[in-house]
Structures are given as structure tokens and as C-alpha cells.
Protein backbone atom coordinates (compact mmCIF):
# COMPACT_ATOMS: atom_id res chain seq x y z
CA MET A 1 0.00 0.00 0.00
CA ASN A 2 1.35 3.42 -0.97
CA LYS A 3 2.72 5.33 2.05
CA TYR A 4 1.05 8.55 0.91
CA PHE A 5 -2.30 6.79 0.79
CA ILE A 6 -1.70 5.54 4.33
CA LYS A 7 -0.95 9.09 5.46
CA TYR A 8 -4.15 10.26 3.78
CA LEU A 9 -6.19 7.62 5.62
CA LEU A 10 -4.60 8.51 8.94
CA LYS A 11 -5.40 12.20 8.49
CA LYS A 12 -8.94 11.45 7.37
CA PHE A 13 -9.96 8.97 10.08
CA ILE A 14 -7.65 9.63 13.05
CA GLY A 15 -7.54 12.86 15.06
CA LYS A 16 -4.41 14.99 15.44
CA THR A 17 -3.86 13.98 19.08
CA GLN A 18 -4.10 10.29 18.23
CA ARG A 19 -1.74 10.74 15.26
CA SER A 20 0.80 12.41 17.55
CA LYS A 21 0.60 9.48 19.94
CA LEU A 22 1.08 7.01 17.11
CA LEU A 23 4.13 8.94 15.87
CA ALA A 24 5.60 8.99 19.38
CA LEU A 25 5.08 5.22 19.66
CA LYS A 26 6.64 4.69 16.23
CA LYS A 27 9.73 6.68 17.25
CA PHE A 28 10.01 4.84 20.57
CA LEU A 29 9.95 1.43 18.90
CA ILE A 30 12.34 2.40 16.10
CA TYR A 31 14.82 3.99 18.50
CA LYS A 32 14.77 0.96 20.83
CA PHE A 33 15.29 -1.43 17.93
CA ARG A 34 18.22 0.62 16.63
CA LYS A 35 19.88 0.63 20.05
CA TYR A 36 19.84 -3.14 20.46
CA LEU A 37 20.83 -3.71 16.84
CA LEU A 38 23.98 -1.64 17.41
CA ILE A 39 24.73 -3.25 20.78
CA TYR A 40 24.50 -6.68 19.12
CA ALA A 41 26.92 -5.57 16.37
CA VAL A 42 29.43 -4.27 18.91
CA ASN A 43 29.16 -7.35 21.15
CA THR A 44 29.69 -9.68 18.19
CA ASN A 45 32.68 -7.62 17.03
CA LYS A 46 31.18 -6.65 13.68
CA LYS A 47 34.06 -5.30 11.60
CA ASP A 48 32.31 -2.62 9.58
CA ILE A 49 30.40 -0.15 11.74
CA ASN A 50 29.28 3.06 10.08
CA ILE A 51 27.03 5.22 12.22
CA ILE A 52 24.72 8.20 11.84
CA LEU A 53 24.88 10.35 14.98
CA GLY A 54 21.70 12.14 16.01
CA ALA A 55 19.80 10.42 13.22
CA ALA A 56 16.22 11.21 14.32
CA LEU A 57 14.18 9.07 11.87
CA THR A 58 16.76 9.17 9.05
CA ASN A 59 18.72 6.17 7.84
CA GLN A 60 21.28 5.12 5.25
CA LYS A 61 21.77 1.70 3.70
CA ASN A 62 24.32 -0.40 5.61
CA TRP A 63 24.64 2.27 8.32
CA PHE A 64 23.53 2.16 11.94
CA SER A 65 21.33 5.04 13.05
CA SER A 66 21.65 6.37 16.61
CA ASN A 67 19.44 8.67 18.65
CA GLU A 68 20.12 11.20 21.39
CA GLN A 69 17.87 9.30 23.80
CA TRP A 70 20.46 6.52 24.14
CA LEU A 71 23.58 7.96 22.47
CA ASP A 72 23.97 11.59 23.48
CA ILE A 73 27.25 12.21 21.66
CA SER A 74 28.61 14.40 24.49
CA ASN A 75 27.76 11.85 27.22
CA LYS A 76 30.69 9.59 28.14
CA SER A 77 28.55 7.01 29.94
CA HIS A 78 26.37 6.56 26.82
CA TRP A 79 29.44 5.81 24.69
CA GLU A 80 30.85 3.38 27.26
CA LYS A 81 27.53 1.56 27.57
CA ILE A 82 27.25 1.03 23.81
CA PHE A 83 30.87 0.68 22.65
CA LYS A 84 32.60 -0.58 25.81
CA SER A 85 35.75 1.48 25.00
CA LYS A 86 36.22 -0.36 21.68
CA GLN A 87 37.71 1.51 18.72
CA ILE A 88 35.32 0.02 16.24
CA ILE A 89 33.74 2.73 14.03
CA ASN A 90 34.84 3.11 10.39
CA ASN A 91 32.78 6.18 9.57
CA ALA A 92 30.56 8.49 11.60
CA VAL A 93 28.38 11.25 10.21
CA ALA A 94 26.60 14.05 12.08
CA GLU A 95 24.36 16.17 9.88
CA HIS A 96 23.13 19.34 11.58
CA VAL A 97 23.74 18.04 15.09
CA PHE A 98 26.65 20.05 16.49
CA GLU A 99 24.86 23.40 16.23
CA HIS A 100 22.49 22.08 18.91
CA LEU A 101 25.42 21.61 21.33
CA THR A 102 27.28 24.13 23.45
CA ARG A 103 30.99 24.63 22.80
CA ILE A 104 31.88 22.53 25.87
CA GLU A 105 29.56 19.74 24.70
CA THR A 106 31.17 19.93 21.25
CA ILE A 107 34.64 19.37 22.68
CA LYS A 108 33.40 16.44 24.76
CA ALA A 109 31.64 14.91 21.74
CA LEU A 110 34.69 15.21 19.47
CA LYS A 111 36.88 13.54 22.08
CA LEU A 112 34.41 10.65 22.54
CA ILE A 113 33.91 10.12 18.80
CA TYR A 114 37.66 10.15 18.21
CA GLY A 115 38.06 7.50 20.90
CA ALA A 116 35.52 5.19 19.24
CA LEU A 117 36.90 5.49 15.69
CA LYS A 118 39.30 3.01 14.19
CA HIS A 119 42.70 4.23 13.00
CA LYS A 120 42.04 6.12 9.73
CA GLY A 121 38.34 6.22 10.61
CA ASN A 122 36.41 9.31 9.52
CA LEU A 123 34.01 11.74 11.14
CA ARG A 124 31.94 13.84 8.73
CA ILE A 125 30.24 16.89 10.21
CA ALA A 126 27.69 19.14 8.50
CA VAL A 127 26.50 22.31 10.23
CA PRO A 128 25.12 25.72 9.24
CA ASP A 129 27.93 27.82 7.78
CA GLY A 130 28.96 30.72 10.02
CA ASN A 131 31.09 32.19 7.20
CA ASN A 132 28.18 32.45 4.77
CA PRO A 133 28.13 36.12 3.65
CA ASN A 134 24.34 36.31 3.27
CA HIS A 135 22.77 38.09 6.26
CA GLU A 136 19.37 36.48 5.69
CA TYR A 137 20.99 33.04 5.84
CA ILE A 138 22.73 33.90 9.12
CA LYS A 139 19.49 35.24 10.60
CA ASN A 140 17.80 31.93 9.83
CA VAL A 141 20.51 29.52 11.00
CA GLY A 142 22.23 31.46 13.80
CA ILE A 143 21.83 31.08 17.56
CA ASN A 144 18.08 30.95 18.26
CA GLY A 145 17.59 31.31 14.50
CA ILE A 146 14.23 31.88 12.84
CA GLY A 147 14.61 29.11 10.23
CA ALA A 148 13.38 25.52 10.34
CA ASP A 149 14.53 23.71 13.50
CA ALA A 150 16.88 26.61 14.36
CA GLN A 151 15.24 27.83 17.57
CA ASP A 152 17.46 25.42 19.54
CA HIS A 153 20.74 26.40 17.87
CA LYS A 154 23.37 27.10 20.52
CA GLN A 155 26.31 27.97 18.25
CA LEU A 156 27.08 29.01 14.69
CA LEU A 157 30.36 27.43 13.69
CA LYS A 158 32.80 28.72 11.10
CA TYR A 159 35.24 26.50 9.22
CA GLU A 160 38.26 27.90 11.03
CA GLU A 161 36.63 27.27 14.43
CA ILE A 162 35.55 23.70 13.78
CA LYS A 163 38.92 22.91 12.19
CA GLU A 164 40.73 24.07 15.32
CA LEU A 165 38.39 22.17 17.64
CA MET A 166 38.81 18.95 15.66
CA GLU A 167 42.57 19.29 15.28
CA ASN A 168 42.88 19.80 19.02
CA GLU A 169 41.42 16.29 19.46
CA GLY A 170 43.77 14.75 16.87
CA PHE A 171 41.71 14.84 13.66
CA LYS A 172 43.19 15.62 10.25
CA VAL A 173 40.58 18.02 8.84
CA THR A 174 39.48 18.56 5.23
CA LEU A 175 36.95 21.17 4.13
CA LYS A 176 34.49 19.48 1.77
CA GLU A 177 31.94 22.28 1.33
CA GLY A 178 31.52 25.78 2.70
CA TYR A 179 33.02 29.24 2.98
CA LYS A 180 36.43 30.15 4.33
CA ASN A 181 36.78 33.39 6.30
CA ASN A 182 38.33 35.08 3.22
CA GLY A 183 35.04 34.57 1.32
CA GLU A 184 36.23 31.64 -0.82
CA LEU A 185 33.52 29.02 -1.37
CA ILE A 186 34.66 25.39 -1.55
CA THR A 187 32.24 23.04 -3.33
CA ASN A 188 33.64 19.52 -3.57
CA PHE A 189 31.44 16.52 -4.33
CA ILE A 190 30.34 14.85 -1.09
CA ASP A 191 31.01 11.14 -1.58
CA PRO A 192 28.27 9.24 0.30
CA ILE A 193 30.66 6.39 1.09
CA LYS A 194 31.78 8.34 4.16
CA GLY A 195 28.29 9.55 4.99
CA TYR A 196 25.44 10.97 2.95
CA ILE A 197 24.62 14.64 3.62
CA LEU A 198 21.16 15.75 2.53
CA ARG A 199 21.76 19.48 2.96
CA SER A 200 24.64 19.76 0.52
CA ARG A 201 25.22 21.61 -2.73
CA SER A 202 25.99 18.15 -4.16
CA ASN A 203 22.29 17.35 -3.83
CA HIS A 204 20.98 20.69 -5.07
CA LYS A 205 18.30 19.32 -7.41
CA ILE A 206 16.95 16.82 -4.88
CA ASN A 207 16.89 19.38 -2.11
CA LYS A 208 15.24 22.07 -4.19
CA LEU A 209 12.26 19.76 -4.66
CA LYS A 210 12.17 18.86 -0.96
CA GLN A 211 12.65 22.49 0.07
CA SER A 212 9.46 23.53 -1.70
CA LYS A 213 7.50 21.18 0.58
CA ILE A 214 9.07 22.06 3.95
CA ALA A 215 8.11 25.18 5.88
CA GLY A 216 11.05 27.37 6.88
CA TRP A 217 13.42 26.19 4.13
CA GLY A 218 12.93 29.13 1.76
CA TYR A 219 15.94 31.23 2.80
CA PRO A 220 19.14 31.50 0.70
CA ASP A 221 21.46 28.44 0.82
CA SER A 222 19.06 26.53 3.08
CA ILE A 223 20.01 23.40 1.13
CA SER A 224 23.74 23.82 1.83
CA SER A 225 26.04 23.25 4.79
CA LEU A 226 29.54 23.72 6.11
CA ILE A 227 30.85 20.16 5.68
CA VAL A 228 34.17 18.89 7.01
CA ASP A 229 35.80 15.48 7.22
CA GLY A 230 38.00 14.57 10.15
CA GLU A 231 40.29 11.55 9.81
CA LYS A 232 41.65 9.82 12.90
CA VAL A 233 45.44 9.78 12.58
């Protein structure tokens, strides 16, 4: 049965309160299943662990999705409970997660992620771009921004800042997409092998279609990000 038809039926025959409860139950069950799926992989020493950090309901083929409820990336006890101090992750990706952390939480998270990566493992981070020269963009994505999901933003990172924070923890950093502080725009193709990023200039055509259907995504460069890769060396 077509998922859009199912959504239509739900809206037609089930009230808004009941739909909210069903969505909450769906999230609870999915998040629990994901947690135990990852724990099983770690306990059985699965060799290839690629993980989406702060995934919400998103997923990628052959990747584990994690959720803040059981893997708060700045919480040491969460990491120890899941990974048991093993250096087991090949690739980790965090798309529009770090802007919801404080600077102290960011430092803690980078340290914990670095500790769980294998040698030569990669962390890909996508965040709103603090060097973007467009004032309307900054107004939407900045701290307590007015754009979609931006009311909880606690920081607006620039490339030079995130590079320094990551290098301080031992990462070798590469700018994949975004502005430098001299105004230069870097636009490399974002290879999904190390983590798919939806809000990237690499996916401009896909995102333009999605953007037209999502409230709050109409501001300039809303389909782009500051994207960096950090390799564990």
C-alpha cells in the first residue's frame, strides 16, 4: 500500500492527538530497535560499523542510526555503555547536530567520537555555515535562529573554528563544502561512502524539490552546509 495513501487515511480517520501518539510510539519502537541492533553488532565484534549520529528518523543503507535518547554524543557514559571502549567505528556522520550543542559539549563529543573510531576512521560533520556572507541566511541559522529547527541552535560554527576544535582532538581536517573566512567558497562533491549529507550543494536538485514542501526552508542556501571530514590519525 502506498505510504502517501496511508498518510491520507490517517489524516482522514484519526484525530491529530491520536496521530501524535502514534508517531511517538513509532519513534520509541524504532529507537529501541536501533539501540539493540547496534549493541549486538558491537558485542559480536562486527568489523564494519558506520554510524549516523543524532539520526532522528533518518537512515542510510548499511549504516547504523543512533538517537540522542540513548547515544547523546557528548555523554561519556552513553558511549561506554554502547561501545565498551572499543575503537570500532569506520565512519561516523553528524548532519546538523553540532549546532544544537554548546561549545563545551562539542569538545566532549569530538573527544568521545575520536576515541571510538578506528585508526584512519572518519568523522563527517555538516553544520550551518557561520562564514556564509548572506545576512538572511545567518538570521535563519544562527543562535536561536528563525529558520526551520533553528530555535534550539546554541552555536554558529565557522570552518576555522571547527577545524581548530577537531585538530585539538587529533583529527586531520578537510573542508568538503563551505566558505572560508576570506570569502572563498569550496564546493567539492560529497562522496556518500563516508556519509550521505542531505543538505549539501551536491544534492541541489533533490533538495530544491524537498525544500518547496518544507516550511522554513525558503531562505538562501538553506540546502547547503559547512561540511568537514576529520580523519583519525
